[in-house]
């Protein structure tokens, strides 16, 4: 991955716009940027990722995923209960293998678009702050896929046991003494955090540690547990596993997104069938912050 930092002029040349427009894109379109010694700098790999995020009408892949032959590929958002479901699949069906690509919610949907996976896992909050995933799936895919609910889960802020820093809300993350650990741009967790920061009138790049991104919820929790961060976005299940405190932001919908033409493939149906398995339900009960009342139900078509 190219870690080169670009200046404002170089970004303007890359995007074929004037420099004044670059400043507008930072505030209006969340162009990834960080201010160092009073100057804006732009990680080149994040600029490339941002451009991809703005792209529509992707061409169809020339090499589609082959018919199912025993390897089930799930990609997208990371989750502790999902890890346990994948392990259960592998132990329950020894003639099959389930593998996971930790790409974040948006990365999972894009992998699905490119026919690189069978199932995308996602919890992307839409602008109306009521629905999840449907709008993103519609924008990225040629047609609406099937959407199956995996769970509802508590999403919020992980903080140290006893809350020694006195963090009570997202607004407190803007205090100069607070350092956070963060999640990548392509994740639903990061999307929610940025939305809440915007509501609170806080600029992310002014928070210590905002640029320190970790691939898993558990990784963020470990940073808080080790004292390297005072807080970080994550799910209650991680707080329960690591003995951290937790500030709830919202219950969110975590879904599986599946291309309709592949929905009835054997591996997909076996995996979805496990959502009603007693051992899977017991796994959820052993963790904090999950609701399986709608697990396994079709969210679209409804």
C-alpha atoms as a PDB file:
ATOM      1  CA  UNK A   1       0.000   0.000   0.000  1.00  0.00           C
ATOM      2  CA  UNK A   2       1.398   3.414  -0.999  1.00  0.00           C
ATOM      3  CA  UNK A   3       1.735   5.611   2.118  1.00  0.00           C
ATOM      4  CA  UNK A   4       2.888   8.687   0.183  1.00  0.00           C
ATOM      5  CA  UNK A   5       1.523  12.026   1.400  1.00  0.00           C
ATOM      6  CA  UNK A   6       0.256  14.477  -1.203  1.00  0.00           C
ATOM      7  CA  UNK A   7      -0.050  18.232  -0.810  1.00  0.00           C
ATOM      8  CA  UNK A   8      -3.017  20.333  -1.903  1.00  0.00           C
ATOM      9  CA  UNK A   9      -1.531  21.130  -5.313  1.00  0.00           C
ATOM     10  CA  UNK A  10      -0.785  17.464  -6.051  1.00  0.00           C
ATOM     11  CA  UNK A  11      -4.305  16.403  -5.069  1.00  0.00           C
ATOM     12  CA  UNK A  12      -5.753  19.137  -7.277  1.00  0.00           C
ATOM     13  CA  UNK A  13      -3.680  17.877 -10.220  1.00  0.00           C
ATOM     14  CA  UNK A  14      -4.662  14.261  -9.513  1.00  0.00           C
ATOM     15  CA  UNK A  15      -8.386  15.111  -9.465  1.00  0.00           C
ATOM     16  CA  UNK A  16      -8.060  17.672 -12.287  1.00  0.00           C
ATOM     17  CA  UNK A  17      -9.599  20.486 -10.214  1.00  0.00           C
ATOM     18  CA  UNK A  18      -8.342  23.775  -8.789  1.00  0.00           C
ATOM     19  CA  UNK A  19      -6.891  23.984  -5.290  1.00  0.00           C
ATOM     20  CA  UNK A  20      -9.855  25.941  -3.900  1.00  0.00           C
ATOM     21  CA  UNK A  21     -12.125  23.024  -4.783  1.00  0.00           C
ATOM     22  CA  UNK A  22      -9.901  20.692  -2.742  1.00  0.00           C
ATOM     23  CA  UNK A  23     -10.725  22.650   0.420  1.00  0.00           C
ATOM     24  CA  UNK A  24     -14.423  22.447  -0.406  1.00  0.00           C
ATOM     25  CA  UNK A  25     -14.200  18.673  -0.875  1.00  0.00           C
ATOM     26  CA  UNK A  26     -12.583  18.299   2.547  1.00  0.00           C
ATOM     27  CA  UNK A  27     -15.603  19.843   4.263  1.00  0.00           C
ATOM     28  CA  UNK A  28     -18.411  18.853   1.888  1.00  0.00           C
ATOM     29  CA  UNK A  29     -17.420  15.413   0.605  1.00  0.00           C
ATOM     30  CA  UNK A  30     -15.183  14.111   3.422  1.00  0.00           C
ATOM     31  CA  UNK A  31     -12.030  14.088   1.291  1.00  0.00           C
ATOM     32  CA  UNK A  32      -9.471  12.274   3.519  1.00  0.00           C
ATOM     33  CA  UNK A  33      -6.987  14.821   4.864  1.00  0.00           C
ATOM     34  CA  UNK A  34      -4.875  15.654   7.887  1.00  0.00           C
ATOM     35  CA  UNK A  35      -3.424  18.986   8.945  1.00  0.00           C
ATOM     36  CA  UNK A  36       0.249  18.987   9.932  1.00  0.00           C
ATOM     37  CA  UNK A  37       2.056  22.210  10.924  1.00  0.00           C
ATOM     38  CA  UNK A  38      -0.823  24.197   9.459  1.00  0.00           C
ATOM     39  CA  UNK A  39      -0.781  22.491   6.049  1.00  0.00           C
ATOM     40  CA  UNK A  40      -3.237  19.942   4.640  1.00  0.00           C
ATOM     41  CA  UNK A  41      -1.706  16.613   3.685  1.00  0.00           C
ATOM     42  CA  UNK A  42      -3.446  13.701   1.959  1.00  0.00           C
ATOM     43  CA  UNK A  43      -2.469  10.003   2.171  1.00  0.00           C
ATOM     44  CA  UNK A  44      -2.424   8.935  -1.472  1.00  0.00           C
ATOM     45  CA  UNK A  45      -3.977   5.506  -0.831  1.00  0.00           C
ATOM     46  CA  UNK A  46      -6.931   7.149   0.973  1.00  0.00           C
ATOM     47  CA  UNK A  47      -7.449   9.569  -1.911  1.00  0.00           C
ATOM     48  CA  UNK A  48      -7.589   6.608  -4.302  1.00  0.00           C
ATOM     49  CA  UNK A  49     -10.064   4.882  -1.987  1.00  0.00           C
ATOM     50  CA  UNK A  50     -12.160   8.069  -1.808  1.00  0.00           C
ATOM     51  CA  UNK A  51     -12.286   8.296  -5.617  1.00  0.00           C
ATOM     52  CA  UNK A  52     -13.485   4.684  -5.768  1.00  0.00           C
ATOM     53  CA  UNK A  53     -16.152   5.499  -3.174  1.00  0.00           C
ATOM     54  CA  UNK A  54     -17.494   8.219  -5.487  1.00  0.00           C
ATOM     55  CA  UNK A  55     -17.516   6.002  -8.580  1.00  0.00           C
ATOM     56  CA  UNK A  56     -20.776   4.748 -10.073  1.00  0.00           C
ATOM     57  CA  UNK A  57     -21.658   2.465 -13.010  1.00  0.00           C
ATOM     58  CA  UNK A  58     -18.860  -0.027 -12.491  1.00  0.00           C
ATOM     59  CA  UNK A  59     -18.357  -2.465 -15.410  1.00  0.00           C
ATOM     60  CA  UNK A  60     -19.363  -6.070 -14.879  1.00  0.00           C
ATOM     61  CA  UNK A  61     -16.439  -8.378 -14.077  1.00  0.00           C
ATOM     62  CA  UNK A  62     -15.217 -10.506 -16.942  1.00  0.00           C
ATOM     63  CA  UNK A  63     -14.422 -13.466 -14.664  1.00  0.00           C
ATOM     64  CA  UNK A  64     -17.420 -14.188 -12.445  1.00  0.00           C
ATOM     65  CA  UNK A  65     -17.189 -16.287  -9.306  1.00  0.00           C
ATOM     66  CA  UNK A  66     -17.400 -19.952 -10.384  1.00  0.00           C
ATOM     67  CA  UNK A  67     -20.306 -22.180  -9.306  1.00  0.00           C
ATOM     68  CA  UNK A  68     -20.234 -23.207  -5.672  1.00  0.00           C
ATOM     69  CA  UNK A  69     -17.816 -26.093  -5.053  1.00  0.00           C
ATOM     70  CA  UNK A  70     -17.620 -26.199  -1.287  1.00  0.00           C
ATOM     71  CA  UNK A  71     -15.831 -22.932  -0.470  1.00  0.00           C
ATOM     72  CA  UNK A  72     -18.131 -20.229   0.909  1.00  0.00           C
ATOM     73  CA  UNK A  73     -16.656 -16.729   0.805  1.00  0.00           C
ATOM     74  CA  UNK A  74     -18.074 -14.078   3.125  1.00  0.00           C
ATOM     75  CA  UNK A  75     -16.612 -10.570   3.092  1.00  0.00           C
ATOM     76  CA  UNK A  76     -17.431  -7.273   4.691  1.00  0.00           C
ATOM     77  CA  UNK A  77     -17.923  -6.133   8.254  1.00  0.00           C
ATOM     78  CA  UNK A  78     -16.129  -7.810  11.125  1.00  0.00           C
ATOM     79  CA  UNK A  79     -18.171  -9.202  14.027  1.00  0.00           C
ATOM     80  CA  UNK A  80     -17.486 -11.559  16.943  1.00  0.00           C
ATOM     81  CA  UNK A  81     -20.748 -13.466  16.533  1.00  0.00           C
ATOM     82  CA  UNK A  82     -20.138 -13.784  12.795  1.00  0.00           C
ATOM     83  CA  UNK A  83     -16.722 -15.321  13.550  1.00  0.00           C
ATOM     84  CA  UNK A  84     -18.464 -17.903  15.702  1.00  0.00           C
ATOM     85  CA  UNK A  85     -21.034 -18.615  12.983  1.00  0.00           C
ATOM     86  CA  UNK A  86     -18.244 -19.243  10.475  1.00  0.00           C
ATOM     87  CA  UNK A  87     -16.498 -21.577  12.913  1.00  0.00           C
ATOM     88  CA  UNK A  88     -19.753 -23.426  13.507  1.00  0.00           C
ATOM     89  CA  UNK A  89     -20.229 -23.836   9.750  1.00  0.00           C
ATOM     90  CA  UNK A  90     -16.746 -25.303   9.368  1.00  0.00           C
ATOM     91  CA  UNK A  91     -17.241 -27.771  12.202  1.00  0.00           C
ATOM     92  CA  UNK A  92     -20.828 -28.651  11.266  1.00  0.00           C
ATOM     93  CA  UNK A  93     -20.123 -29.216   7.564  1.00  0.00           C
ATOM     94  CA  UNK A  94     -16.636 -30.777   7.241  1.00  0.00           C
ATOM     95  CA  UNK A  95     -17.026 -31.152   3.471  1.00  0.00           C
ATOM     96  CA  UNK A  96     -17.342 -27.367   3.143  1.00  0.00           C
ATOM     97  CA  UNK A  97     -15.114 -24.425   4.059  1.00  0.00           C
ATOM     98  CA  UNK A  98     -16.242 -20.926   4.988  1.00  0.00           C
ATOM     99  CA  UNK A  99     -13.675 -18.116   4.798  1.00  0.00           C
ATOM    100  CA  UNK A 100     -13.979 -14.439   5.668  1.00  0.00           C
ATOM    101  CA  UNK A 101     -12.493 -11.309   4.093  1.00  0.00           C
ATOM    102  CA  UNK A 102     -12.377  -8.433   6.575  1.00  0.00           C
ATOM    103  CA  UNK A 103     -12.993  -5.533   4.185  1.00  0.00           C
ATOM    104  CA  UNK A 104     -15.497  -3.396   6.069  1.00  0.00           C
ATOM    105  CA  UNK A 105     -19.149  -3.060   5.096  1.00  0.00           C
ATOM    106  CA  UNK A 106     -18.551  -1.049   1.936  1.00  0.00           C
ATOM    107  CA  UNK A 107     -15.644  -3.251   0.938  1.00  0.00           C
ATOM    108  CA  UNK A 108     -17.868  -6.305   1.271  1.00  0.00           C
ATOM    109  CA  UNK A 109     -20.563  -4.857  -0.963  1.00  0.00           C
ATOM    110  CA  UNK A 110     -17.946  -3.957  -3.558  1.00  0.00           C
ATOM    111  CA  UNK A 111     -16.467  -7.452  -3.393  1.00  0.00           C
ATOM    112  CA  UNK A 112     -19.988  -8.767  -4.027  1.00  0.00           C
ATOM    113  CA  UNK A 113     -20.313  -6.447  -7.006  1.00  0.00           C
ATOM    114  CA  UNK A 114     -17.062  -7.808  -8.413  1.00  0.00           C
ATOM    115  CA  UNK A 115     -18.191 -11.398  -7.812  1.00  0.00           C
ATOM    116  CA  UNK A 116     -15.379 -12.010  -5.344  1.00  0.00           C
ATOM    117  CA  UNK A 117     -17.625 -13.360  -2.599  1.00  0.00           C
ATOM    118  CA  UNK A 118     -20.939 -15.132  -2.032  1.00  0.00           C
ATOM    119  CA  UNK A 119     -22.165 -13.055   0.908  1.00  0.00           C
ATOM    120  CA  UNK A 120     -21.422  -9.483   2.001  1.00  0.00           C
ATOM    121  CA  UNK A 121     -21.865  -8.573   5.669  1.00  0.00           C
ATOM    122  CA  UNK A 122     -22.881  -4.965   6.232  1.00  0.00           C
ATOM    123  CA  UNK A 123     -24.280  -2.452   8.719  1.00  0.00           C
ATOM    124  CA  UNK A 124     -24.160   0.833   6.793  1.00  0.00           C
ATOM    125  CA  UNK A 125     -26.447   3.478   8.272  1.00  0.00           C
ATOM    126  CA  UNK A 126     -28.298   5.468   5.608  1.00  0.00           C
ATOM    127  CA  UNK A 127     -28.701   9.240   5.635  1.00  0.00           C
ATOM    128  CA  UNK A 128     -32.205   9.036   7.085  1.00  0.00           C
ATOM    129  CA  UNK A 129     -30.657   7.275  10.116  1.00  0.00           C
ATOM    130  CA  UNK A 130     -33.544   4.807  10.055  1.00  0.00           C
ATOM    131  CA  UNK A 131     -32.639   2.187   7.457  1.00  0.00           C
ATOM    132  CA  UNK A 132     -29.477   0.200   6.838  1.00  0.00           C
ATOM    133  CA  UNK A 133     -27.711  -1.145   3.748  1.00  0.00           C
ATOM    134  CA  UNK A 134     -30.518  -0.923   1.148  1.00  0.00           C
ATOM    135  CA  UNK A 135     -29.462   2.371  -0.406  1.00  0.00           C
ATOM    136  CA  UNK A 136     -25.791   1.407  -0.481  1.00  0.00           C
ATOM    137  CA  UNK A 137     -26.575  -1.953  -2.085  1.00  0.00           C
ATOM    138  CA  UNK A 138     -28.834  -0.291  -4.655  1.00  0.00           C
ATOM    139  CA  UNK A 139     -26.142   2.236  -5.589  1.00  0.00           C
ATOM    140  CA  UNK A 140     -23.324  -0.306  -5.870  1.00  0.00           C
ATOM    141  CA  UNK A 141     -25.071  -3.236  -7.553  1.00  0.00           C
ATOM    142  CA  UNK A 142     -26.892  -3.464 -10.864  1.00  0.00           C
ATOM    143  CA  UNK A 143     -30.070  -4.643  -9.143  1.00  0.00           C
ATOM    144  CA  UNK A 144     -31.305  -5.034  -5.587  1.00  0.00           C
ATOM    145  CA  UNK A 145     -29.905  -8.190  -4.001  1.00  0.00           C
ATOM    146  CA  UNK A 146     -31.493 -10.384  -1.372  1.00  0.00           C
ATOM    147  CA  UNK A 147     -30.922  -9.049   2.144  1.00  0.00           C
ATOM    148  CA  UNK A 148     -31.109 -11.378   5.152  1.00  0.00           C
ATOM    149  CA  UNK A 149     -30.881 -10.096   8.722  1.00  0.00           C
ATOM    150  CA  UNK A 150     -28.006 -11.561  10.725  1.00  0.00           C
ATOM    151  CA  UNK A 151     -28.637  -9.715  13.970  1.00  0.00           C
ATOM    152  CA  UNK A 152     -29.199  -6.437  15.708  1.00  0.00           C
ATOM    153  CA  UNK A 153     -26.308  -5.314  17.868  1.00  0.00           C
ATOM    154  CA  UNK A 154     -25.295  -2.467  20.139  1.00  0.00           C
ATOM    155  CA  UNK A 155     -22.826  -0.056  18.587  1.00  0.00           C
ATOM    156  CA  UNK A 156     -21.101   2.664  20.557  1.00  0.00           C
ATOM    157  CA  UNK A 157     -17.896   3.815  22.229  1.00  0.00           C
ATOM    158  CA  UNK A 158     -15.479   1.523  24.066  1.00  0.00           C
ATOM    159  CA  UNK A 159     -13.896   3.117  27.143  1.00  0.00           C
ATOM    160  CA  UNK A 160     -11.675   1.911  29.982  1.00  0.00           C
ATOM    161  CA  UNK A 161     -13.226   0.163  32.964  1.00  0.00           C
ATOM    162  CA  UNK A 162     -14.440   2.709  35.495  1.00  0.00           C
ATOM    163  CA  UNK A 163     -14.303   5.483  32.870  1.00  0.00           C
ATOM    164  CA  UNK A 164     -11.229   7.243  34.342  1.00  0.00           C
ATOM    165  CA  UNK A 165     -11.353   9.953  31.673  1.00  0.00           C
ATOM    166  CA  UNK A 166     -14.987  10.840  32.409  1.00  0.00           C
ATOM    167  CA  UNK A 167     -16.155  10.264  28.827  1.00  0.00           C
ATOM    168  CA  UNK A 168     -19.953  10.530  28.699  1.00  0.00           C
ATOM    169  CA  UNK A 169     -20.712  11.148  25.018  1.00  0.00           C
ATOM    170  CA  UNK A 170     -19.192  11.554  21.566  1.00  0.00           C
ATOM    171  CA  UNK A 171     -18.726  15.252  22.326  1.00  0.00           C
ATOM    172  CA  UNK A 172     -16.146  14.350  24.987  1.00  0.00           C
ATOM    173  CA  UNK A 173     -13.926  12.783  22.329  1.00  0.00           C
ATOM    174  CA  UNK A 174     -13.113  16.323  21.225  1.00  0.00           C
ATOM    175  CA  UNK A 175     -11.375  17.149  24.522  1.00  0.00           C
ATOM    176  CA  UNK A 176      -7.653  17.849  23.946  1.00  0.00           C
ATOM    177  CA  UNK A 177      -6.491  15.194  26.424  1.00  0.00           C
ATOM    178  CA  UNK A 178      -8.513  12.348  24.826  1.00  0.00           C
ATOM    179  CA  UNK A 179      -6.878   9.909  22.403  1.00  0.00           C
ATOM    180  CA  UNK A 180      -8.893   7.404  20.387  1.00  0.00           C
ATOM    181  CA  UNK A 181      -8.325   4.322  18.268  1.00  0.00           C
ATOM    182  CA  UNK A 182     -10.391   4.324  15.069  1.00  0.00           C
ATOM    183  CA  UNK A 183     -11.805   2.020  12.386  1.00  0.00           C
ATOM    184  CA  UNK A 184     -11.148   2.274   8.604  1.00  0.00           C
ATOM    185  CA  UNK A 185     -13.153   4.476   6.256  1.00  0.00           C
ATOM    186  CA  UNK A 186     -14.904   1.550   4.581  1.00  0.00           C
ATOM    187  CA  UNK A 187     -16.537   0.353   7.802  1.00  0.00           C
ATOM    188  CA  UNK A 188     -20.048   1.030   9.056  1.00  0.00           C
ATOM    189  CA  UNK A 189     -18.600   1.730  12.494  1.00  0.00           C
ATOM    190  CA  UNK A 190     -16.492   4.587  11.107  1.00  0.00           C
ATOM    191  CA  UNK A 191     -19.513   5.926   9.205  1.00  0.00           C
ATOM    192  CA  UNK A 192     -21.537   6.054  12.421  1.00  0.00           C
ATOM    193  CA  UNK A 193     -18.718   7.707  14.370  1.00  0.00           C
ATOM    194  CA  UNK A 194     -18.206  10.376  11.711  1.00  0.00           C
ATOM    195  CA  UNK A 195     -21.959  11.032  11.619  1.00  0.00           C
ATOM    196  CA  UNK A 196     -22.070  11.498  15.401  1.00  0.00           C
ATOM    197  CA  UNK A 197     -18.963  13.696  15.382  1.00  0.00           C
ATOM    198  CA  UNK A 198     -20.533  15.901  12.744  1.00  0.00           C
ATOM    199  CA  UNK A 199     -23.672  16.265  14.882  1.00  0.00           C
ATOM    200  CA  UNK A 200     -21.491  17.270  17.817  1.00  0.00           C
ATOM    201  CA  UNK A 201     -19.650  19.840  15.698  1.00  0.00           C
ATOM    202  CA  UNK A 202     -16.316  18.067  16.057  1.00  0.00           C
ATOM    203  CA  UNK A 203     -13.802  17.659  13.244  1.00  0.00           C
ATOM    204  CA  UNK A 204     -12.341  14.184  13.275  1.00  0.00           C
ATOM    205  CA  UNK A 205      -8.827  15.178  12.292  1.00  0.00           C
ATOM    206  CA  UNK A 206      -8.625  17.378  15.382  1.00  0.00           C
ATOM    207  CA  UNK A 207      -8.996  14.332  17.676  1.00  0.00           C
ATOM    208  CA  UNK A 208      -5.808  12.624  18.803  1.00  0.00           C
ATOM    209  CA  UNK A 209      -5.554   9.168  17.279  1.00  0.00           C
ATOM    210  CA  UNK A 210      -8.313   9.751  14.732  1.00  0.00           C
ATOM    211  CA  UNK A 211      -6.016   8.594  11.923  1.00  0.00           C
ATOM    212  CA  UNK A 212      -4.946   5.430  13.808  1.00  0.00           C
ATOM    213  CA  UNK A 213      -7.120   2.799  12.147  1.00  0.00           C
ATOM    214  CA  UNK A 214      -7.562  -0.807  13.252  1.00  0.00           C
ATOM    215  CA  UNK A 215      -9.129  -3.577  11.187  1.00  0.00           C
ATOM    216  CA  UNK A 216     -11.225  -5.248  13.891  1.00  0.00           C
ATOM    217  CA  UNK A 217     -13.501  -4.208  16.739  1.00  0.00           C
ATOM    218  CA  UNK A 218     -11.368  -6.366  19.009  1.00  0.00           C
ATOM    219  CA  UNK A 219      -8.209  -4.529  17.937  1.00  0.00           C
ATOM    220  CA  UNK A 220      -9.753  -1.200  18.974  1.00  0.00           C
ATOM    221  CA  UNK A 221     -10.805  -2.730  22.288  1.00  0.00           C
ATOM    222  CA  UNK A 222      -7.276  -3.992  22.927  1.00  0.00           C
ATOM    223  CA  UNK A 223      -5.886  -0.493  22.351  1.00  0.00           C
ATOM    224  CA  UNK A 224      -8.251   0.834  25.030  1.00  0.00           C
ATOM    225  CA  UNK A 225      -7.508  -2.086  27.356  1.00  0.00           C
ATOM    226  CA  UNK A 226      -3.751  -1.492  27.010  1.00  0.00           C
ATOM    227  CA  UNK A 227      -4.144   2.228  27.725  1.00  0.00           C
ATOM    228  CA  UNK A 228      -2.833   3.280  24.322  1.00  0.00           C
ATOM    229  CA  UNK A 229      -6.235   4.869  23.624  1.00  0.00           C
ATOM    230  CA  UNK A 230      -8.859   6.339  25.923  1.00  0.00           C
ATOM    231  CA  UNK A 231     -11.768   5.381  23.696  1.00  0.00           C
ATOM    232  CA  UNK A 232     -12.720   3.933  20.339  1.00  0.00           C
ATOM    233  CA  UNK A 233     -15.806   3.037  18.308  1.00  0.00           C
ATOM    234  CA  UNK A 234     -16.937  -0.566  18.659  1.00  0.00           C
ATOM    235  CA  UNK A 235     -19.627  -3.021  19.656  1.00  0.00           C
ATOM    236  CA  UNK A 236     -20.783  -3.921  23.161  1.00  0.00           C
ATOM    237  CA  UNK A 237     -19.731  -7.543  22.641  1.00  0.00           C
ATOM    238  CA  UNK A 238     -16.078  -6.446  22.654  1.00  0.00           C
ATOM    239  CA  UNK A 239     -16.606  -4.458  25.844  1.00  0.00           C
ATOM    240  CA  UNK A 240     -18.066  -7.582  27.448  1.00  0.00           C
ATOM    241  CA  UNK A 241     -15.232  -9.851  26.310  1.00  0.00           C
ATOM    242  CA  UNK A 242     -12.463  -7.449  27.411  1.00  0.00           C
ATOM    243  CA  UNK A 243     -14.104  -6.077  30.553  1.00  0.00           C
ATOM    244  CA  UNK A 244     -14.386  -2.513  29.222  1.00  0.00           C
ATOM    245  CA  UNK A 245     -17.108   0.058  29.801  1.00  0.00           C
ATOM    246  CA  UNK A 246     -19.390   1.031  26.957  1.00  0.00           C
ATOM    247  CA  UNK A 247     -21.394   4.066  25.816  1.00  0.00           C
ATOM    248  CA  UNK A 248     -24.332   3.058  23.610  1.00  0.00           C
ATOM    249  CA  UNK A 249     -24.881   5.104  20.450  1.00  0.00           C
ATOM    250  CA  UNK A 250     -27.567   2.952  18.853  1.00  0.00           C
ATOM    251  CA  UNK A 251     -28.868  -0.513  18.098  1.00  0.00           C
ATOM    252  CA  UNK A 252     -27.956  -1.241  14.495  1.00  0.00           C
ATOM    253  CA  UNK A 253     -29.029  -3.714  11.847  1.00  0.00           C
ATOM    254  CA  UNK A 254     -26.358  -6.127  10.644  1.00  0.00           C
ATOM    255  CA  UNK A 255     -27.330  -7.858   7.372  1.00  0.00           C
ATOM    256  CA  UNK A 256     -26.138 -10.407   4.858  1.00  0.00           C
ATOM    257  CA  UNK A 257     -26.337  -9.192   1.242  1.00  0.00           C
ATOM    258  CA  UNK A 258     -26.537 -11.877  -1.445  1.00  0.00           C
ATOM    259  CA  UNK A 259     -26.924 -11.685  -5.209  1.00  0.00           C
ATOM    260  CA  UNK A 260     -30.344 -13.139  -6.065  1.00  0.00           C
ATOM    261  CA  UNK A 261     -28.988 -15.476  -8.722  1.00  0.00           C
ATOM    262  CA  UNK A 262     -26.780 -17.147  -6.086  1.00  0.00           C
ATOM    263  CA  UNK A 263     -29.208 -17.148  -3.187  1.00  0.00           C
ATOM    264  CA  UNK A 264     -30.152 -20.832  -3.452  1.00  0.00           C
ATOM    265  CA  UNK A 265     -26.632 -22.182  -3.881  1.00  0.00           C
ATOM    266  CA  UNK A 266     -25.969 -24.958  -1.401  1.00  0.00           C
ATOM    267  CA  UNK A 267     -23.268 -23.293   0.684  1.00  0.00           C
ATOM    268  CA  UNK A 268     -25.298 -20.128   1.111  1.00  0.00           C
ATOM    269  CA  UNK A 269     -28.391 -22.052   2.198  1.00  0.00           C
ATOM    270  CA  UNK A 270     -26.411 -24.203   4.618  1.00  0.00           C
ATOM    271  CA  UNK A 271     -24.895 -21.103   6.174  1.00  0.00           C
ATOM    272  CA  UNK A 272     -28.206 -19.258   6.480  1.00  0.00           C
ATOM    273  CA  UNK A 273     -29.750 -22.385   7.975  1.00  0.00           C
ATOM    274  CA  UNK A 274     -27.240 -22.209  10.839  1.00  0.00           C
ATOM    275  CA  UNK A 275     -28.840 -18.973  12.004  1.00  0.00           C
ATOM    276  CA  UNK A 276     -31.614 -21.112  13.467  1.00  0.00           C
ATOM    277  CA  UNK A 277     -29.206 -23.651  14.971  1.00  0.00           C
ATOM    278  CA  UNK A 278     -29.326 -24.081  18.755  1.00  0.00           C
ATOM    279  CA  UNK A 279     -25.524 -23.828  19.123  1.00  0.00           C
ATOM    280  CA  UNK A 280     -25.479 -20.557  17.202  1.00  0.00           C
ATOM    281  CA  UNK A 281     -28.243 -19.141  19.403  1.00  0.00           C
ATOM    282  CA  UNK A 282     -26.337 -20.214  22.496  1.00  0.00           C
ATOM    283  CA  UNK A 283     -23.222 -18.441  21.169  1.00  0.00           C
ATOM    284  CA  UNK A 284     -25.176 -15.197  20.950  1.00  0.00           C
ATOM    285  CA  UNK A 285     -26.511 -15.636  24.474  1.00  0.00           C
ATOM    286  CA  UNK A 286     -22.961 -15.947  25.793  1.00  0.00           C
ATOM    287  CA  UNK A 287     -22.111 -12.519  24.374  1.00  0.00           C
ATOM    288  CA  UNK A 288     -23.414  -9.078  25.287  1.00  0.00           C
ATOM    289  CA  UNK A 289     -25.201  -6.676  22.957  1.00  0.00           C
ATOM    290  CA  UNK A 290     -26.982  -8.925  20.442  1.00  0.00           C
ATOM    291  CA  UNK A 291     -30.646  -9.346  19.487  1.00  0.00           C
ATOM    292  CA  UNK A 292     -31.520 -12.335  17.265  1.00  0.00           C
ATOM    293  CA  UNK A 293     -35.293 -11.851  17.114  1.00  0.00           C
ATOM    294  CA  UNK A 294     -35.140 -11.277  13.337  1.00  0.00           C
ATOM    295  CA  UNK A 295     -32.044 -13.341  12.577  1.00  0.00           C
ATOM    296  CA  UNK A 296     -32.432 -15.370   9.389  1.00  0.00           C
ATOM    297  CA  UNK A 297     -35.442 -13.389   8.179  1.00  0.00           C
ATOM    298  CA  UNK A 298     -35.579 -11.773   4.748  1.00  0.00           C
ATOM    299  CA  UNK A 299     -35.276  -8.003   4.957  1.00  0.00           C
ATOM    300  CA  UNK A 300     -35.512  -7.700   1.162  1.00  0.00           C
ATOM    301  CA  UNK A 301     -37.604  -8.784  -0.606  1.00  0.00           C
ATOM    302  CA  UNK A 302     -39.767  -8.344   2.500  1.00  0.00           C
END
